Amino acid sequence: SPIPPGKESHRFFVKTVEALGRFVTPESVSVLQTILEKRRIPQTEENTEVRLAAARALSRMGSPEAREAMAAAIKDEPSQEVRAALREPRSKRPINEIGFSP
């Protein structure tokens, strides 16, 4: 059954965004970049938390595509916390042949 609206669905979405960052593929970068481009939605704490999760996921990826997405997103990002995450590449992990970063 679907998760009801509210805090539980929000936490689920944040955890899903975080997990997506473990798959270093052009498709996952594209989804995370799309989340960061949703700056025009209301600037609530929940929306900022989702964008922060996307920024951190891209930061951990470290691929050229992820770095490009970070550079593009930082320009118009309204949240100082999200901008800080976009400035700090955190990838120190090797990426294996199927694009999964453990």
N, C-alpha and C. Protein backbone atom coordinates (compact mmCIF):
# COMPACT_ATOMS: atom_id res chain seq x y z
N SER A 1 0.84 -1.19 0.00
CA SER A 1 0.00 0.00 0.00
C SER A 1 0.87 1.24 0.00
N PRO A 2 0.42 2.32 -0.60
CA PRO A 2 1.23 3.54 -0.66
C PRO A 2 1.41 4.15 0.73
N ILE A 3 2.50 4.89 0.87
CA ILE A 3 2.78 5.58 2.12
C ILE A 3 1.88 6.80 2.18
N PRO A 4 1.20 7.01 3.31
CA PRO A 4 0.32 8.18 3.39
C PRO A 4 1.10 9.48 3.36
N PRO A 5 0.47 10.56 2.91
CA PRO A 5 1.17 11.84 2.87
C PRO A 5 1.59 12.27 4.27
N GLY A 6 2.62 13.07 4.32
CA GLY A 6 3.08 13.57 5.61
C GLY A 6 4.52 13.20 5.87
N LYS A 7 4.86 13.15 7.15
CA LYS A 7 6.25 12.93 7.54
C LYS A 7 6.83 11.63 7.04
N GLU A 8 6.06 10.55 7.11
CA GLU A 8 6.58 9.24 6.68
C GLU A 8 6.92 9.24 5.19
N SER A 9 6.05 9.82 4.38
CA SER A 9 6.34 9.84 2.95
C SER A 9 7.52 10.76 2.66
N HIS A 10 7.65 11.83 3.41
CA HIS A 10 8.79 12.73 3.24
C HIS A 10 10.09 12.01 3.57
N ARG A 11 10.15 11.31 4.71
CA ARG A 11 11.36 10.57 5.10
C ARG A 11 11.69 9.51 4.06
N PHE A 12 10.66 8.84 3.56
CA PHE A 12 10.86 7.82 2.53
C PHE A 12 11.49 8.45 1.29
N PHE A 13 11.00 9.61 0.88
CA PHE A 13 11.53 10.29 -0.30
C PHE A 13 12.98 10.69 -0.08
N VAL A 14 13.30 11.26 1.09
CA VAL A 14 14.68 11.65 1.39
C VAL A 14 15.59 10.42 1.36
N LYS A 15 15.17 9.33 1.97
CA LYS A 15 15.99 8.11 1.98
C LYS A 15 16.16 7.55 0.56
N THR A 16 15.15 7.66 -0.26
CA THR A 16 15.24 7.21 -1.65
C THR A 16 16.25 8.05 -2.42
N VAL A 17 16.21 9.36 -2.22
CA VAL A 17 17.17 10.24 -2.88
C VAL A 17 18.59 9.90 -2.43
N GLU A 18 18.77 9.68 -1.14
CA GLU A 18 20.10 9.31 -0.61
C GLU A 18 20.58 8.00 -1.24
N ALA A 19 19.69 7.02 -1.33
CA ALA A 19 20.06 5.72 -1.92
C ALA A 19 20.40 5.85 -3.39
N LEU A 20 19.69 6.70 -4.09
CA LEU A 20 19.96 6.91 -5.52
C LEU A 20 21.40 7.36 -5.75
N GLY A 21 21.95 8.08 -4.80
CA GLY A 21 23.33 8.55 -4.92
C GLY A 21 24.36 7.44 -4.90
N ARG A 22 23.95 6.25 -4.52
CA ARG A 22 24.89 5.11 -4.52
C ARG A 22 25.03 4.48 -5.91
N PHE A 23 24.15 4.84 -6.82
CA PHE A 23 24.21 4.32 -8.18
C PHE A 23 24.80 5.39 -9.08
N VAL A 24 26.04 5.20 -9.44
CA VAL A 24 26.76 6.21 -10.21
C VAL A 24 26.52 5.96 -11.70
N THR A 25 25.38 6.45 -12.16
CA THR A 25 25.01 6.29 -13.57
C THR A 25 24.51 7.64 -14.08
N PRO A 26 24.56 7.84 -15.39
CA PRO A 26 24.01 9.08 -15.95
C PRO A 26 22.53 9.26 -15.60
N GLU A 27 21.78 8.15 -15.52
CA GLU A 27 20.36 8.24 -15.21
C GLU A 27 20.13 8.74 -13.78
N SER A 28 20.90 8.23 -12.83
CA SER A 28 20.72 8.68 -11.44
C SER A 28 21.15 10.14 -11.30
N VAL A 29 22.20 10.54 -11.99
CA VAL A 29 22.63 11.95 -11.97
C VAL A 29 21.50 12.82 -12.51
N SER A 30 20.87 12.38 -13.58
CA SER A 30 19.79 13.15 -14.20
C SER A 30 18.62 13.34 -13.23
N VAL A 31 18.25 12.29 -12.52
CA VAL A 31 17.14 12.39 -11.55
C VAL A 31 17.51 13.35 -10.43
N LEU A 32 18.73 13.23 -9.90
CA LEU A 32 19.16 14.12 -8.82
C LEU A 32 19.24 15.57 -9.29
N GLN A 33 19.69 15.77 -10.51
CA GLN A 33 19.75 17.12 -11.07
C GLN A 33 18.34 17.71 -11.20
N THR A 34 17.40 16.90 -11.62
CA THR A 34 16.01 17.35 -11.73
C THR A 34 15.47 17.78 -10.37
N ILE A 35 15.79 17.04 -9.34
CA ILE A 35 15.35 17.40 -7.98
C ILE A 35 15.93 18.76 -7.60
N LEU A 36 17.19 18.97 -7.91
CA LEU A 36 17.82 20.25 -7.57
C LEU A 36 17.24 21.41 -8.38
N GLU A 37 16.74 21.12 -9.55
CA GLU A 37 16.16 22.17 -10.40
C GLU A 37 14.77 22.58 -9.93
N LYS A 38 14.22 21.91 -8.96
CA LYS A 38 12.88 22.22 -8.46
C LYS A 38 12.93 23.34 -7.42
N ARG A 39 13.75 24.32 -7.65
CA ARG A 39 13.91 25.44 -6.71
C ARG A 39 12.69 26.33 -6.65
N ARG A 40 11.87 26.28 -7.66
CA ARG A 40 10.72 27.19 -7.71
C ARG A 40 9.56 26.72 -6.84
N ILE A 41 9.64 25.52 -6.34
CA ILE A 41 8.58 25.06 -5.43
C ILE A 41 8.74 25.81 -4.11
N PRO A 42 7.73 25.85 -3.29
CA PRO A 42 7.83 26.61 -2.03
C PRO A 42 9.06 26.21 -1.21
N GLN A 43 9.71 27.20 -0.65
CA GLN A 43 10.94 26.96 0.11
C GLN A 43 10.61 26.54 1.54
N THR A 44 10.16 25.32 1.67
CA THR A 44 9.86 24.78 2.99
C THR A 44 11.07 24.01 3.49
N GLU A 45 11.08 23.72 4.76
CA GLU A 45 12.17 22.93 5.34
C GLU A 45 12.24 21.55 4.69
N GLU A 46 11.09 20.97 4.42
CA GLU A 46 11.05 19.64 3.81
C GLU A 46 11.64 19.65 2.40
N ASN A 47 11.27 20.66 1.60
CA ASN A 47 11.79 20.75 0.24
C ASN A 47 13.30 20.99 0.24
N THR A 48 13.77 21.81 1.15
CA THR A 48 15.21 22.05 1.26
C THR A 48 15.93 20.78 1.67
N GLU A 49 15.33 20.01 2.55
CA GLU A 49 15.95 18.75 2.99
C GLU A 49 16.09 17.77 1.83
N VAL A 50 15.11 17.73 0.95
CA VAL A 50 15.18 16.84 -0.22
C VAL A 50 16.29 17.31 -1.16
N ARG A 51 16.37 18.63 -1.42
CA ARG A 51 17.43 19.15 -2.29
C ARG A 51 18.80 18.92 -1.65
N LEU A 52 18.89 19.04 -0.34
CA LEU A 52 20.16 18.79 0.35
C LEU A 52 20.57 17.33 0.18
N ALA A 53 19.63 16.42 0.29
CA ALA A 53 19.93 15.00 0.07
C ALA A 53 20.42 14.77 -1.35
N ALA A 54 19.80 15.44 -2.33
CA ALA A 54 20.24 15.30 -3.73
C ALA A 54 21.64 15.87 -3.92
N ALA A 55 21.92 17.02 -3.31
CA ALA A 55 23.25 17.63 -3.42
C ALA A 55 24.31 16.73 -2.82
N ARG A 56 24.02 16.17 -1.66
CA ARG A 56 24.99 15.27 -1.00
C ARG A 56 25.19 13.99 -1.80
N ALA A 57 24.11 13.49 -2.41
CA ALA A 57 24.23 12.28 -3.23
C ALA A 57 25.14 12.55 -4.43
N LEU A 58 24.94 13.66 -5.11
CA LEU A 58 25.81 14.01 -6.24
C LEU A 58 27.24 14.18 -5.78
N SER A 59 27.42 14.79 -4.64
CA SER A 59 28.75 15.04 -4.09
C SER A 59 29.50 13.73 -3.85
N ARG A 60 28.78 12.74 -3.35
CA ARG A 60 29.40 11.43 -3.09
C ARG A 60 29.73 10.68 -4.37
N MET A 61 28.97 10.93 -5.42
CA MET A 61 29.20 10.22 -6.68
C MET A 61 30.57 10.54 -7.26
N GLY A 62 30.86 11.79 -7.41
CA GLY A 62 32.17 12.20 -7.91
C GLY A 62 32.42 12.00 -9.39
N SER A 63 31.42 11.57 -10.14
CA SER A 63 31.62 11.37 -11.58
C SER A 63 31.64 12.73 -12.28
N PRO A 64 32.18 12.77 -13.49
CA PRO A 64 32.17 14.03 -14.24
C PRO A 64 30.75 14.57 -14.42
N GLU A 65 29.79 13.68 -14.68
CA GLU A 65 28.40 14.12 -14.86
C GLU A 65 27.85 14.70 -13.56
N ALA A 66 28.18 14.08 -12.43
CA ALA A 66 27.71 14.58 -11.14
C ALA A 66 28.32 15.95 -10.84
N ARG A 67 29.60 16.10 -11.15
CA ARG A 67 30.24 17.40 -10.92
C ARG A 67 29.64 18.50 -11.80
N GLU A 68 29.30 18.15 -13.03
CA GLU A 68 28.64 19.12 -13.92
C GLU A 68 27.28 19.52 -13.36
N ALA A 69 26.54 18.54 -12.88
CA ALA A 69 25.22 18.82 -12.30
C ALA A 69 25.35 19.71 -11.06
N MET A 70 26.37 19.47 -10.25
CA MET A 70 26.60 20.29 -9.06
C MET A 70 26.91 21.73 -9.46
N ALA A 71 27.76 21.89 -10.45
CA ALA A 71 28.15 23.24 -10.90
C ALA A 71 26.94 23.99 -11.44
N ALA A 72 26.08 23.29 -12.18
CA ALA A 72 24.90 23.94 -12.74
C ALA A 72 23.90 24.31 -11.64
N ALA A 73 23.76 23.46 -10.64
CA ALA A 73 22.77 23.69 -9.59
C ALA A 73 23.15 24.80 -8.62
N ILE A 74 24.43 24.99 -8.41
CA ILE A 74 24.87 25.94 -7.39
C ILE A 74 24.53 27.39 -7.73
N LYS A 75 24.44 27.68 -9.02
CA LYS A 75 24.23 29.06 -9.47
C LYS A 75 22.98 29.71 -8.88
N ASP A 76 21.87 29.01 -8.91
CA ASP A 76 20.59 29.59 -8.51
C ASP A 76 20.01 28.98 -7.23
N GLU A 77 20.79 28.19 -6.53
CA GLU A 77 20.28 27.53 -5.33
C GLU A 77 20.04 28.54 -4.22
N PRO A 78 18.80 28.62 -3.70
CA PRO A 78 18.50 29.60 -2.66
C PRO A 78 19.00 29.23 -1.26
N SER A 79 19.23 27.96 -1.01
CA SER A 79 19.62 27.52 0.34
C SER A 79 21.13 27.54 0.50
N GLN A 80 21.59 28.23 1.53
CA GLN A 80 23.03 28.27 1.81
C GLN A 80 23.56 26.88 2.15
N GLU A 81 22.77 26.09 2.86
CA GLU A 81 23.20 24.74 3.24
C GLU A 81 23.35 23.84 2.01
N VAL A 82 22.42 23.94 1.08
CA VAL A 82 22.51 23.14 -0.14
C VAL A 82 23.70 23.61 -0.98
N ARG A 83 23.89 24.93 -1.09
CA ARG A 83 25.05 25.45 -1.84
C ARG A 83 26.36 24.93 -1.24
N ALA A 84 26.44 24.89 0.09
CA ALA A 84 27.66 24.39 0.75
C ALA A 84 27.89 22.92 0.38
N ALA A 85 26.83 22.13 0.35
CA ALA A 85 26.96 20.71 -0.01
C ALA A 85 27.41 20.56 -1.47
N LEU A 86 26.94 21.46 -2.32
CA LEU A 86 27.32 21.40 -3.73
C LEU A 86 28.77 21.81 -3.96
N ARG A 87 29.34 22.56 -3.04
CA ARG A 87 30.74 22.99 -3.17
C ARG A 87 31.73 21.96 -2.67
N GLU A 88 31.26 20.96 -1.95
CA GLU A 88 32.14 20.01 -1.27
C GLU A 88 32.08 18.61 -1.87
N PRO A 89 32.83 18.33 -2.90
CA PRO A 89 32.86 16.94 -3.40
C PRO A 89 33.37 16.01 -2.30
N ARG A 90 32.62 14.94 -2.05
CA ARG A 90 33.00 14.02 -0.98
C ARG A 90 33.33 12.63 -1.48
N SER A 91 33.48 12.46 -2.76
CA SER A 91 33.73 11.12 -3.28
C SER A 91 35.16 10.69 -3.01
N LYS A 92 35.29 9.65 -2.23
CA LYS A 92 36.60 9.05 -1.98
C LYS A 92 36.55 7.56 -2.29
N ARG A 93 35.37 7.09 -2.70
CA ARG A 93 35.17 5.66 -2.90
C ARG A 93 35.38 5.28 -4.36
N PRO A 94 35.97 4.12 -4.59
CA PRO A 94 36.10 3.66 -5.97
C PRO A 94 34.73 3.27 -6.54
N ILE A 95 34.58 3.45 -7.80
CA ILE A 95 33.34 3.08 -8.48
C ILE A 95 33.62 1.79 -9.25
N ASN A 96 32.80 0.76 -9.01
CA ASN A 96 33.06 -0.50 -9.69
C ASN A 96 32.48 -0.50 -11.09
N GLU A 97 32.64 -1.60 -11.79
CA GLU A 97 32.30 -1.65 -13.21
C GLU A 97 30.82 -1.51 -13.51
N ILE A 98 29.92 -1.74 -12.55
CA ILE A 98 28.51 -1.59 -12.85
C ILE A 98 27.96 -0.24 -12.38
N GLY A 99 28.84 0.61 -11.92
CA GLY A 99 28.42 1.95 -11.55
C GLY A 99 27.84 2.05 -10.16
N PHE A 100 28.16 1.11 -9.28
CA PHE A 100 27.66 1.14 -7.91
C PHE A 100 28.79 1.51 -6.98
N SER A 101 28.58 2.53 -6.18
CA SER A 101 29.62 2.97 -5.25
C SER A 101 29.23 2.48 -3.85
N PRO A 102 29.99 1.53 -3.31
CA PRO A 102 29.61 0.93 -2.00
C PRO A 102 29.72 1.93 -0.86
